[in-house]
Amino acid sequence: MVAHLETFAGNLDDVRAFCAVVDLGSMTQAGVVLRETKGSVSRRVARLESVLKVTLLARTPRAVSPTAEGLAFHARALESLALLDEALQTARGARTQPSGHLRVTASIDFGVEVLPDLVASFRARHPQITLELLITDSRLDLAANRVDLALRLGGGDHPDSGYTAPILADLTIGLYAAPAYLAQRPAPVEIAALSAHDVVLARERLGATQILVSDGDGREQGVTLRPAVRATDFATVLRLTLAGAGIGHIPSLVAAKSLVRGDLVRVLPAWASRGGTLRAVTLAGRELPARVRLFREHVRMEMARQAAICSMAGHDRPTRVRASVATDHAHSGRV
């Protein structure tokens, strides 16, 4: 049906000028309201008549009045302009007012273990914003899937030009075990002793695996391990570790909740591996709606709060959280 409709090729400001003339009964008065000269308003109306190929105003030296066609066009034009103004106001409000629908994608690790609490606390603060979660390890195209924000874990490679990816937090991967496991096999007191334990790793390669760990003093050490159990994602590593399958090598943000509850204990707490970054990926070249900015900041603040809780408990080396996403565009990473 749309294919058979004629598209309006004129200028909307010309339409507004014509409506002002009809409403005020004078091109001079219309010019005062529109802050234009009488001649400018007259030219606008003439241009509109040329586009429509119809006479909208009957002109005399002393007055102007709408023709029958002008009156019919005026009535419909007013309705259309009112709808357009409402749409513009809605679009502008989306940049400042926290409302609407938010589509977020995240990896399985983050989406299963971390995102539910973030969404619940965000909704408690902003119940007028609805959310839709796309939990997948596939890196979805944001434009094609109408995704507002992607929360991605990764390294420090460079972003595609069509995206911005400010860093929300720098992550670490620590060693954790369930109390039940440690009751049977006492925790190692040095890195070298780790090879004598059952270890659970998120690795796809078979055979021995080396992990690089460092302490707070800048020392680094490589440890070669033969995992007792392997998994393709950290969410599964966490569950295996909670079940007592061994010492898990787990990102601090994935293990944090279990650590605070006492379901996990930090093993060799002075040592950890670099875990890359948590980035908030959005499309570049446009101002973010308020709902996206608020959720991004909420995630950053919750990561900081979570790190502080672990640090105060004395169980974990804190995750380093970026102080502000506003200055992080220079640190963007590949999406």
Foldseek 3Di string as FASTA:
>chain_A
DVVPDDDQPADLVLLVLLLLCAVVFALCVSCVVVVHHSVVSVVSPVVNCVSVVHDQWDDDPVTIHGDPVNVVCSVVSVVVVVVVVVVVVVVVQQAPPQAEEAEEEEEQLCVVQPVVVLVVVVCVVPVRYHYDYDYHPDDDDCVVVVHAKYKYFDAQAAADPFKFKFFFFWWWWFKKAFVVLCVVPPFDPDPQCQQVWAEEEQDDDADKDKAWKDFPVGDIDIDIHHHPYYHNDQLVLQVCRLVNRIIYGHICSSCLVCVLVRSMATGPQRMIGGGHTIIMMGGPDDRRGPNSVVSSVSVSVVLVVSQVSCVVVVGHNGIGGDPDSVPRRVRGHYD
